[in-house]
C-alpha atoms as a PDB file:
ATOM      1  CA  MET A   1      16.699 -46.237-109.111  1.00  0.00           C
ATOM      2  CA  THR A   2      18.326 -45.670-105.870  1.00  0.00           C
ATOM      3  CA  ASP A   3      21.960 -43.606-105.300  1.00  0.00           C
ATOM      4  CA  ARG A   4      23.982 -46.303-103.295  1.00  0.00           C
ATOM      5  CA  SER A   5      27.067 -43.725-103.406  1.00  0.00           C
ATOM      6  CA  ALA A   6      25.303 -41.698-101.297  1.00  0.00           C
ATOM      7  CA  ALA A   7      26.396 -41.428 -97.528  1.00  0.00           C
ATOM      8  CA  PRO A   8      25.228 -43.299 -94.996  1.00  0.00           C
ATOM      9  CA  LEU A   9      22.316 -41.539 -92.976  1.00  0.00           C
ATOM     10  CA  PRO A  10      23.564 -40.509 -89.010  1.00  0.00           C
ATOM     11  CA  LEU A  11      22.417 -43.482 -86.498  1.00  0.00           C
ATOM     12  CA  SER A  12      20.585 -41.176 -84.653  1.00  0.00           C
ATOM     13  CA  ASP A  13      18.681 -40.558 -88.265  1.00  0.00           C
ATOM     14  CA  LEU A  14      17.895 -44.284 -88.089  1.00  0.00           C
ATOM     15  CA  ILE A  15      16.622 -44.370 -84.708  1.00  0.00           C
ATOM     16  CA  ASP A  16      14.210 -41.559 -85.228  1.00  0.00           C
ATOM     17  CA  ASP A  17      13.204 -43.019 -88.286  1.00  0.00           C
ATOM     18  CA  LEU A  18      12.741 -46.774 -86.486  1.00  0.00           C
ATOM     19  CA  VAL A  19      10.641 -44.907 -84.012  1.00  0.00           C
ATOM     20  CA  ALA A  20       8.816 -43.215 -86.773  1.00  0.00           C
ATOM     21  CA  GLU A  21       7.748 -46.238 -88.074  1.00  0.00           C
ATOM     22  CA  GLN A  22       6.732 -48.462 -85.400  1.00  0.00           C
ATOM     23  CA  GLN A  23       4.837 -45.374 -84.323  1.00  0.00           C
ATOM     24  CA  ALA A  24       2.662 -45.585 -87.683  1.00  0.00           C
ATOM     25  CA  LEU A  25       2.079 -48.909 -87.263  1.00  0.00           C
ATOM     26  CA  ASP A  26       1.181 -48.792 -83.322  1.00  0.00           C
ATOM     27  CA  ASP A  27      -1.529 -46.209 -84.645  1.00  0.00           C
ATOM     28  CA  VAL A  28      -3.177 -48.924 -87.219  1.00  0.00           C
ATOM     29  CA  MET A  29      -3.080 -51.396 -84.783  1.00  0.00           C
ATOM     30  CA  SER A  30      -4.121 -49.923 -81.619  1.00  0.00           C
ATOM     31  CA  PRO A  31      -7.859 -49.219 -82.459  1.00  0.00           C
ATOM     32  CA  LEU A  32      -8.107 -52.837 -83.586  1.00  0.00           C
ATOM     33  CA  GLY A  33     -10.027 -55.500 -81.983  1.00  0.00           C
ATOM     34  CA  ASP A  34      -9.216 -59.442 -81.261  1.00  0.00           C
ATOM     35  CA  ASP A  35     -11.040 -60.560 -84.625  1.00  0.00           C
ATOM     36  CA  ASP A  36      -8.620 -57.964 -86.488  1.00  0.00           C
ATOM     37  CA  TRP A  37      -5.682 -59.472 -84.508  1.00  0.00           C
ATOM     38  CA  ALA A  38      -6.549 -62.936 -85.347  1.00  0.00           C
ATOM     39  CA  THR A  39      -6.611 -61.825 -89.205  1.00  0.00           C
ATOM     40  CA  ALA A  40      -4.827 -64.673 -91.650  1.00  0.00           C
ATOM     41  CA  THR A  41      -1.564 -62.113 -93.005  1.00  0.00           C
ATOM     42  CA  ALA A  42       0.521 -62.986 -96.602  1.00  0.00           C
ATOM     43  CA  SER A  43       2.559 -65.270 -94.387  1.00  0.00           C
ATOM     44  CA  PRO A  44       1.260 -68.633 -94.779  1.00  0.00           C
ATOM     45  CA  GLY A  45      -0.038 -69.352 -90.911  1.00  0.00           C
ATOM     46  CA  TRP A  46       0.237 -66.517 -89.552  1.00  0.00           C
ATOM     47  CA  THR A  47      -2.135 -63.823 -88.096  1.00  0.00           C
ATOM     48  CA  VAL A  48      -1.737 -59.960 -87.793  1.00  0.00           C
ATOM     49  CA  SER A  49      -0.741 -61.258 -84.338  1.00  0.00           C
ATOM     50  CA  ASP A  50       1.737 -63.448 -85.131  1.00  0.00           C
ATOM     51  CA  GLN A  51       3.268 -60.370 -87.540  1.00  0.00           C
ATOM     52  CA  ILE A  52       3.233 -58.177 -84.173  1.00  0.00           C
ATOM     53  CA  GLY A  53       4.450 -60.716 -82.486  1.00  0.00           C
ATOM     54  CA  HIS A  54       7.628 -61.537 -84.867  1.00  0.00           C
ATOM     55  CA  LEU A  55       8.749 -57.611 -84.733  1.00  0.00           C
ATOM     56  CA  THR A  56       8.400 -57.931 -80.753  1.00  0.00           C
ATOM     57  CA  TYR A  57      11.029 -60.962 -80.396  1.00  0.00           C
ATOM     58  CA  PHE A  58      13.226 -59.347 -83.256  1.00  0.00           C
ATOM     59  CA  ASP A  59      13.435 -56.108 -81.212  1.00  0.00           C
ATOM     60  CA  GLY A  60      14.091 -57.928 -77.977  1.00  0.00           C
ATOM     61  CA  THR A  61      16.682 -59.482 -79.785  1.00  0.00           C
ATOM     62  CA  ALA A  62      18.000 -56.469 -81.335  1.00  0.00           C
ATOM     63  CA  ALA A  63      18.266 -54.539 -78.359  1.00  0.00           C
ATOM     64  CA  GLN A  64      19.839 -57.928 -76.041  1.00  0.00           C
ATOM     65  CA  ALA A  65      22.478 -57.495 -79.373  1.00  0.00           C
ATOM     66  CA  ILE A  66      23.438 -54.061 -77.917  1.00  0.00           C
ATOM     67  CA  THR A  67      23.030 -54.573 -74.382  1.00  0.00           C
ATOM     68  CA  ASP A  68      23.646 -57.718 -74.191  1.00  0.00           C
ATOM     69  CA  PRO A  69      26.331 -59.396 -76.542  1.00  0.00           C
ATOM     70  CA  ASP A  70      26.930 -62.293 -74.708  1.00  0.00           C
ATOM     71  CA  GLY A  71      23.811 -63.313 -73.709  1.00  0.00           C
ATOM     72  CA  PHE A  72      22.893 -62.639 -77.665  1.00  0.00           C
ATOM     73  CA  GLN A  73      25.446 -64.684 -78.899  1.00  0.00           C
ATOM     74  CA  MET A  74      23.490 -67.732 -76.551  1.00  0.00           C
ATOM     75  CA  SER A  75      20.171 -66.481 -78.158  1.00  0.00           C
ATOM     76  CA  ALA A  76      21.255 -66.818 -81.898  1.00  0.00           C
ATOM     77  CA  ARG A  77      22.804 -70.371 -81.495  1.00  0.00           C
ATOM     78  CA  ALA A  78      19.958 -71.506 -79.558  1.00  0.00           C
ATOM     79  CA  LEU A  79      17.587 -70.238 -82.403  1.00  0.00           C
ATOM     80  CA  LEU A  80      20.352 -71.459 -85.285  1.00  0.00           C
ATOM     81  CA  MET A  81      19.099 -74.725 -83.490  1.00  0.00           C
ATOM     82  CA  MET A  82      15.946 -74.477 -84.145  1.00  0.00           C
ATOM     83  CA  VAL A  83      16.195 -73.513 -87.272  1.00  0.00           C
ATOM     84  CA  SER A  84      17.888 -76.740 -88.185  1.00  0.00           C
ATOM     85  CA  ALA A  85      14.817 -78.098 -85.592  1.00  0.00           C
ATOM     86  CA  GLY A  86      12.256 -77.137 -88.069  1.00  0.00           C
ATOM     87  CA  ASP A  87       9.982 -74.340 -88.452  1.00  0.00           C
ATOM     88  CA  ASP A  88       6.854 -74.998 -86.344  1.00  0.00           C
ATOM     89  CA  THR A  89       9.713 -75.015 -83.416  1.00  0.00           C
ATOM     90  CA  LEU A  90      10.763 -72.115 -84.958  1.00  0.00           C
ATOM     91  CA  ASP A  91       7.721 -70.207 -84.325  1.00  0.00           C
ATOM     92  CA  ASP A  92       7.089 -71.583 -80.936  1.00  0.00           C
ATOM     93  CA  LEU A  93      10.787 -69.599 -79.613  1.00  0.00           C
ATOM     94  CA  THR A  94       9.432 -66.779 -81.531  1.00  0.00           C
ATOM     95  CA  LEU A  95       5.720 -66.823 -81.225  1.00  0.00           C
ATOM     96  CA  GLY A  96       4.795 -68.977 -78.484  1.00  0.00           C
ATOM     97  CA  PRO A  97       4.965 -66.830 -75.389  1.00  0.00           C
ATOM     98  CA  LEU A  98       2.906 -63.908 -77.280  1.00  0.00           C
ATOM     99  CA  ARG A  99       0.166 -66.350 -78.414  1.00  0.00           C
ATOM    100  CA  GLY A 100      -0.570 -66.816 -74.671  1.00  0.00           C
ATOM    101  CA  LEU A 101      -1.237 -62.965 -74.236  1.00  0.00           C
ATOM    102  CA  SER A 102      -4.784 -61.058 -74.678  1.00  0.00           C
ATOM    103  CA  THR A 103      -4.639 -58.719 -77.757  1.00  0.00           C
ATOM    104  CA  THR A 104      -3.811 -55.653 -74.945  1.00  0.00           C
ATOM    105  CA  GLU A 105      -1.008 -57.409 -73.374  1.00  0.00           C
ATOM    106  CA  ARG A 106       0.425 -58.184 -76.456  1.00  0.00           C
ATOM    107  CA  LEU A 107       0.324 -54.715 -77.920  1.00  0.00           C
ATOM    108  CA  GLU A 108       2.380 -53.913 -74.463  1.00  0.00           C
ATOM    109  CA  ALA A 109       4.894 -56.457 -75.127  1.00  0.00           C
ATOM    110  CA  TRP A 110       5.834 -55.095 -78.376  1.00  0.00           C
ATOM    111  CA  ARG A 111       5.580 -51.856 -77.258  1.00  0.00           C
ATOM    112  CA  SER A 112       7.845 -52.470 -74.260  1.00  0.00           C
ATOM    113  CA  GLY A 113      10.330 -54.460 -76.752  1.00  0.00           C
ATOM    114  CA  ARG A 114      10.616 -52.131 -79.395  1.00  0.00           C
ATOM    115  CA  ASN A 115      11.317 -49.065 -76.358  1.00  0.00           C
ATOM    116  CA  GLN A 116      13.927 -51.122 -75.160  1.00  0.00           C
ATOM    117  CA  LEU A 117      15.258 -51.202 -78.859  1.00  0.00           C
ATOM    118  CA  ALA A 118      15.132 -47.714 -78.959  1.00  0.00           C
ATOM    119  CA  GLU A 119      16.454 -46.764 -75.732  1.00  0.00           C
ATOM    120  CA  ALA A 120      19.464 -49.417 -76.384  1.00  0.00           C
ATOM    121  CA  ALA A 121      20.406 -48.763 -79.824  1.00  0.00           C
ATOM    122  CA  PRO A 122      21.802 -44.721 -78.830  1.00  0.00           C
ATOM    123  CA  TRP A 123      24.543 -47.056 -77.355  1.00  0.00           C
ATOM    124  CA  SER A 124      25.512 -49.076 -79.987  1.00  0.00           C
ATOM    125  CA  GLY A 125      27.976 -46.356 -81.407  1.00  0.00           C
ATOM    126  CA  GLN A 126      28.037 -44.919 -85.119  1.00  0.00           C
ATOM    127  CA  ARG A 127      28.558 -48.735 -86.423  1.00  0.00           C
ATOM    128  CA  ARG A 128      25.395 -49.888 -88.046  1.00  0.00           C
ATOM    129  CA  PRO A 129      24.492 -52.990 -86.060  1.00  0.00           C
ATOM    130  CA  ARG A 130      22.992 -55.661 -88.249  1.00  0.00           C
ATOM    131  CA  SER A 131      19.986 -56.020 -85.314  1.00  0.00           C
ATOM    132  CA  LEU A 132      18.745 -52.457 -85.759  1.00  0.00           C
ATOM    133  CA  VAL A 133      18.939 -52.288 -89.641  1.00  0.00           C
ATOM    134  CA  ARG A 134      16.831 -55.602 -89.613  1.00  0.00           C
ATOM    135  CA  THR A 135      14.091 -53.670 -87.519  1.00  0.00           C
ATOM    136  CA  ILE A 136      14.345 -50.997 -90.308  1.00  0.00           C
ATOM    137  CA  ASP A 137      14.376 -53.073 -92.654  1.00  0.00           C
ATOM    138  CA  GLY A 138      11.276 -54.884 -91.475  1.00  0.00           C
ATOM    139  CA  GLY A 139       8.349 -52.970 -93.276  1.00  0.00           C
ATOM    140  CA  PRO A 140       7.839 -55.918 -95.742  1.00  0.00           C
ATOM    141  CA  VAL A 141       7.153 -58.097 -92.539  1.00  0.00           C
ATOM    142  CA  VAL A 142       4.425 -55.732 -91.011  1.00  0.00           C
ATOM    143  CA  PRO A 143       0.626 -56.481 -91.506  1.00  0.00           C
ATOM    144  CA  ASP A 144      -1.105 -56.162 -94.453  1.00  0.00           C
ATOM    145  CA  ARG A 145      -3.109 -53.126 -93.433  1.00  0.00           C
ATOM    146  CA  SER A 146      -5.509 -53.425 -96.684  1.00  0.00           C
ATOM    147  CA  PRO A 147      -8.066 -55.838 -94.106  1.00  0.00           C
ATOM    148  CA  TYR A 148      -8.131 -52.325 -92.172  1.00  0.00           C
ATOM    149  CA  GLY A 149      -9.292 -49.464 -93.899  1.00  0.00           C
ATOM    150  CA  GLY A 150      -6.078 -49.097 -96.334  1.00  0.00           C
ATOM    151  CA  VAL A 151      -2.892 -48.835 -96.371  1.00  0.00           C
ATOM    152  CA  GLY A 152      -2.428 -46.535 -93.129  1.00  0.00           C
ATOM    153  CA  PRO A 153       0.312 -43.548 -93.077  1.00  0.00           C
ATOM    154  CA  ARG A 154       2.976 -43.423 -94.843  1.00  0.00           C
ATOM    155  CA  THR A 155       6.278 -42.199 -92.732  1.00  0.00           C
ATOM    156  CA  GLY A 156       8.485 -42.152 -95.610  1.00  0.00           C
ATOM    157  CA  HIS A 157      10.933 -43.002 -93.446  1.00  0.00           C
ATOM    158  CA  ARG A 158      11.808 -46.459 -95.025  1.00  0.00           C
ATOM    159  CA  ARG A 159      12.348 -44.887 -98.452  1.00  0.00           C
ATOM    160  CA  ARG A 160      15.661 -43.563 -96.650  1.00  0.00           C
ATOM    161  CA  HIS A 161      17.082 -46.500 -95.853  1.00  0.00           C
ATOM    162  CA  ARG A 162      16.532 -49.034 -99.103  1.00  0.00           C
ATOM    163  CA  TRP A 163      20.099 -47.372-100.624  1.00  0.00           C
ATOM    164  CA  SER A 164      22.022 -47.826 -97.100  1.00  0.00           C
ATOM    165  CA  PRO A 165      24.470 -50.124 -97.744  1.00  0.00           C
ATOM    166  CA  ALA A 166      24.360 -51.254 -94.292  1.00  0.00           C
ATOM    167  CA  CYS A 167      20.474 -52.704 -95.135  1.00  0.00           C
ATOM    168  CA  HIS A 168      21.908 -55.025 -98.042  1.00  0.00           C
END
């Protein structure tokens, strides 16, 4: 059981952990070919590419929440309207633009989005924006690494955040 009474980590530590987790996943994803990216995952109807697309969309959304709160509010309202329209519509919004890209372009789009988030996050102040916590707590949505020779490197960083009141 984790200790929920411990003081939350400084935001800079959370950002460092986020960057380390993203790099660990990048190390797994970088050598994969098109067929690997097309592999089905435990998420019904989603491929490895869709999982990375999901992270790409929400890393960008988290960066927008920090750098353009008004634009984020508009995007969030549009997203909520799409949720009410059905899951396929939501996937079209969050994954659609990436599905037409090559594997290399998708990987670069993810890297770009996560770099934008890493650059924006320190400017959010010492409060923990929910958008950043979502990204840190995103471990369960990363692709199943077992088809690619095991579970991949574990950095141990996510373990440090499970107790954080900001995550729940």
